[in-house]
N, C-alpha and C. Protein backbone atom coordinates (compact mmCIF):
# COMPACT_ATOMS: atom_id res chain seq x y z
N MET A 1 3.59 2.42 10.35
CA MET A 1 4.17 3.39 9.45
C MET A 1 3.06 3.85 8.51
N LEU A 2 3.05 5.14 8.22
CA LEU A 2 2.05 5.72 7.33
C LEU A 2 2.73 6.49 6.21
N ILE A 3 2.29 6.22 4.98
CA ILE A 3 2.78 6.96 3.82
C ILE A 3 1.62 7.72 3.24
N ASP A 4 1.73 9.04 3.21
CA ASP A 4 0.72 9.87 2.56
C ASP A 4 1.19 10.11 1.13
N ALA A 5 0.60 9.37 0.21
CA ALA A 5 1.00 9.45 -1.20
C ALA A 5 -0.08 10.11 -2.04
N THR A 6 -0.88 10.96 -1.41
CA THR A 6 -1.99 11.59 -2.14
C THR A 6 -1.51 12.55 -3.21
N LYS A 7 -0.30 13.03 -3.10
CA LYS A 7 0.24 13.97 -4.09
C LYS A 7 1.15 13.29 -5.10
N LYS A 8 1.21 11.95 -5.07
CA LYS A 8 2.12 11.22 -5.94
C LYS A 8 1.34 10.47 -7.02
N ASN A 9 2.02 10.21 -8.13
CA ASN A 9 1.42 9.38 -9.17
C ASN A 9 1.78 7.92 -8.88
N CYS A 10 1.39 7.03 -9.76
CA CYS A 10 1.60 5.59 -9.56
C CYS A 10 3.05 5.26 -9.25
N LYS A 11 3.96 5.73 -10.07
CA LYS A 11 5.37 5.41 -9.88
C LYS A 11 5.86 5.88 -8.51
N GLY A 12 5.46 7.05 -8.10
CA GLY A 12 5.86 7.58 -6.80
C GLY A 12 5.29 6.79 -5.64
N VAL A 13 4.05 6.36 -5.77
CA VAL A 13 3.40 5.56 -4.72
C VAL A 13 4.16 4.24 -4.55
N ILE A 14 4.40 3.55 -5.64
CA ILE A 14 5.07 2.25 -5.58
C ILE A 14 6.51 2.39 -5.07
N THR A 15 7.19 3.44 -5.48
CA THR A 15 8.55 3.68 -4.99
C THR A 15 8.55 3.85 -3.48
N GLU A 16 7.63 4.64 -2.96
CA GLU A 16 7.53 4.84 -1.51
C GLU A 16 7.24 3.53 -0.80
N LEU A 17 6.32 2.73 -1.34
CA LEU A 17 5.99 1.45 -0.72
C LEU A 17 7.19 0.50 -0.74
N GLU A 18 7.91 0.46 -1.84
CA GLU A 18 9.09 -0.41 -1.93
C GLU A 18 10.12 -0.03 -0.86
N LYS A 19 10.40 1.26 -0.73
CA LYS A 19 11.37 1.72 0.28
C LYS A 19 10.93 1.34 1.68
N ALA A 20 9.66 1.59 1.98
CA ALA A 20 9.15 1.32 3.32
C ALA A 20 9.14 -0.17 3.63
N MET A 21 8.71 -0.99 2.69
CA MET A 21 8.66 -2.44 2.90
C MET A 21 10.05 -3.02 3.12
N ALA A 22 11.06 -2.45 2.50
CA ALA A 22 12.43 -2.95 2.67
C ALA A 22 12.89 -2.83 4.12
N GLU A 23 12.31 -1.90 4.86
CA GLU A 23 12.70 -1.67 6.25
C GLU A 23 11.89 -2.52 7.24
N LEU A 24 10.82 -3.15 6.76
CA LEU A 24 9.94 -3.90 7.65
C LEU A 24 10.29 -5.38 7.64
N LYS A 25 9.88 -6.07 8.70
CA LYS A 25 10.04 -7.51 8.73
C LYS A 25 8.72 -8.18 8.38
N GLU A 26 8.78 -9.42 8.00
CA GLU A 26 7.60 -10.20 7.63
C GLU A 26 6.52 -10.08 8.71
N GLY A 27 5.31 -9.81 8.29
CA GLY A 27 4.18 -9.69 9.22
C GLY A 27 3.89 -8.26 9.65
N ASP A 28 4.86 -7.34 9.49
CA ASP A 28 4.62 -5.94 9.81
C ASP A 28 3.70 -5.33 8.76
N ASN A 29 3.09 -4.21 9.12
CA ASN A 29 2.21 -3.58 8.14
C ASN A 29 2.55 -2.12 7.93
N ILE A 30 2.02 -1.62 6.86
CA ILE A 30 2.20 -0.22 6.48
C ILE A 30 0.87 0.29 5.97
N GLU A 31 0.57 1.53 6.27
CA GLU A 31 -0.64 2.16 5.75
C GLU A 31 -0.22 3.22 4.75
N THR A 32 -0.94 3.25 3.64
CA THR A 32 -0.69 4.28 2.65
C THR A 32 -2.00 4.94 2.27
N ILE A 33 -1.95 6.22 2.04
CA ILE A 33 -3.12 6.95 1.58
C ILE A 33 -2.83 7.37 0.14
N VAL A 34 -3.69 6.95 -0.76
CA VAL A 34 -3.52 7.27 -2.17
C VAL A 34 -4.75 7.99 -2.69
N TYR A 35 -4.55 8.75 -3.75
CA TYR A 35 -5.64 9.50 -4.38
C TYR A 35 -6.07 8.78 -5.64
N GLY A 36 -7.34 8.48 -5.72
CA GLY A 36 -7.93 7.98 -6.95
C GLY A 36 -7.88 6.48 -7.14
N VAL A 37 -8.84 6.01 -7.93
CA VAL A 37 -8.96 4.58 -8.20
C VAL A 37 -7.75 4.02 -8.93
N PRO A 38 -7.18 4.71 -9.93
CA PRO A 38 -6.00 4.12 -10.59
C PRO A 38 -4.84 3.84 -9.64
N ASN A 39 -4.56 4.75 -8.71
CA ASN A 39 -3.49 4.51 -7.74
C ASN A 39 -3.86 3.37 -6.79
N ARG A 40 -5.12 3.29 -6.41
CA ARG A 40 -5.60 2.20 -5.57
C ARG A 40 -5.35 0.86 -6.27
N MET A 41 -5.72 0.79 -7.53
CA MET A 41 -5.55 -0.44 -8.30
C MET A 41 -4.07 -0.81 -8.41
N ASP A 42 -3.21 0.19 -8.56
CA ASP A 42 -1.77 -0.06 -8.65
C ASP A 42 -1.23 -0.64 -7.35
N VAL A 43 -1.70 -0.14 -6.21
CA VAL A 43 -1.25 -0.68 -4.91
C VAL A 43 -1.67 -2.14 -4.79
N TYR A 44 -2.90 -2.45 -5.15
CA TYR A 44 -3.37 -3.84 -5.08
C TYR A 44 -2.55 -4.75 -6.00
N ALA A 45 -2.30 -4.30 -7.22
CA ALA A 45 -1.52 -5.10 -8.17
C ALA A 45 -0.09 -5.30 -7.67
N TRP A 46 0.51 -4.24 -7.15
CA TRP A 46 1.87 -4.32 -6.61
C TRP A 46 1.92 -5.31 -5.45
N ALA A 47 0.97 -5.20 -4.51
CA ALA A 47 0.95 -6.09 -3.34
C ALA A 47 0.82 -7.55 -3.78
N ARG A 48 -0.06 -7.82 -4.71
CA ARG A 48 -0.26 -9.18 -5.21
C ARG A 48 1.02 -9.71 -5.88
N ARG A 49 1.63 -8.87 -6.69
CA ARG A 49 2.85 -9.25 -7.41
C ARG A 49 4.01 -9.54 -6.44
N LYS A 50 4.09 -8.78 -5.36
CA LYS A 50 5.18 -8.93 -4.39
C LYS A 50 4.88 -9.96 -3.30
N GLY A 51 3.66 -10.50 -3.27
CA GLY A 51 3.31 -11.49 -2.26
C GLY A 51 2.89 -10.91 -0.93
N HIS A 52 2.49 -9.64 -0.91
CA HIS A 52 2.01 -9.00 0.31
C HIS A 52 0.49 -9.14 0.40
N THR A 53 -0.06 -8.83 1.56
CA THR A 53 -1.49 -8.99 1.82
C THR A 53 -2.13 -7.63 2.09
N ILE A 54 -3.24 -7.36 1.42
CA ILE A 54 -4.04 -6.17 1.75
C ILE A 54 -4.91 -6.55 2.92
N GLU A 55 -4.74 -5.86 4.04
CA GLU A 55 -5.50 -6.19 5.24
C GLU A 55 -6.85 -5.47 5.26
N LYS A 56 -6.82 -4.17 4.95
CA LYS A 56 -8.08 -3.42 4.96
C LYS A 56 -7.94 -2.17 4.12
N GLU A 57 -9.08 -1.58 3.86
CA GLU A 57 -9.13 -0.36 3.06
C GLU A 57 -10.27 0.51 3.56
N GLN A 58 -10.02 1.81 3.63
CA GLN A 58 -11.05 2.77 3.97
C GLN A 58 -11.06 3.84 2.89
N ARG A 59 -12.26 4.23 2.50
CA ARG A 59 -12.37 5.26 1.47
C ARG A 59 -12.94 6.53 2.09
N SER A 60 -12.37 7.65 1.68
CA SER A 60 -12.86 8.96 2.09
C SER A 60 -12.82 9.85 0.85
N GLY A 61 -13.96 10.00 0.20
CA GLY A 61 -14.00 10.75 -1.05
C GLY A 61 -13.19 10.03 -2.11
N ALA A 62 -12.22 10.72 -2.67
CA ALA A 62 -11.36 10.13 -3.71
C ALA A 62 -10.09 9.52 -3.12
N ASN A 63 -9.92 9.59 -1.80
CA ASN A 63 -8.74 9.04 -1.14
C ASN A 63 -9.02 7.64 -0.60
N PHE A 64 -8.00 6.79 -0.66
CA PHE A 64 -8.10 5.44 -0.13
C PHE A 64 -6.97 5.23 0.87
N ARG A 65 -7.31 4.74 2.05
CA ARG A 65 -6.31 4.39 3.06
C ARG A 65 -6.21 2.87 3.07
N ILE A 66 -5.07 2.36 2.65
CA ILE A 66 -4.89 0.92 2.44
C ILE A 66 -3.80 0.42 3.38
N THR A 67 -4.13 -0.65 4.12
CA THR A 67 -3.17 -1.29 5.00
C THR A 67 -2.63 -2.54 4.33
N VAL A 68 -1.31 -2.60 4.19
CA VAL A 68 -0.64 -3.71 3.52
C VAL A 68 0.25 -4.41 4.54
N ILE A 69 0.11 -5.75 4.62
CA ILE A 69 0.97 -6.56 5.48
C ILE A 69 2.10 -7.11 4.63
N LYS A 70 3.31 -7.01 5.15
CA LYS A 70 4.46 -7.56 4.41
C LYS A 70 4.38 -9.09 4.46
N GLY A 71 4.30 -9.69 3.29
CA GLY A 71 4.22 -11.14 3.17
C GLY A 71 2.79 -11.64 3.13
N PRO A 72 2.65 -12.95 2.99
CA PRO A 72 1.32 -13.53 2.90
C PRO A 72 0.59 -13.53 4.24
N LYS A 73 -0.72 -13.60 4.17
CA LYS A 73 -1.55 -13.65 5.38
C LYS A 73 -1.27 -14.96 6.09
N THR A 74 -1.05 -14.90 7.40
CA THR A 74 -0.65 -16.08 8.14
C THR A 74 -1.80 -16.72 8.90
N SER A 75 -2.91 -16.04 9.09
CA SER A 75 -4.00 -16.63 9.86
C SER A 75 -5.29 -16.62 9.09
């Protein structure tokens, strides 16, 4: 699943992630594209707070593509 949140602010990004994660099962992942360092930091803080794992990140200019695994890393 991919969420393009480049046009959203922090609250919008987190809302989209919350909705998407509710539909996934433990171990599934979601990719989100966010604009700017503040939104990137919010995704990391949200994932840590919720017990999810950041698997990888790619940067392209001011955009960040972040892969989040639902739940803790198992391996």
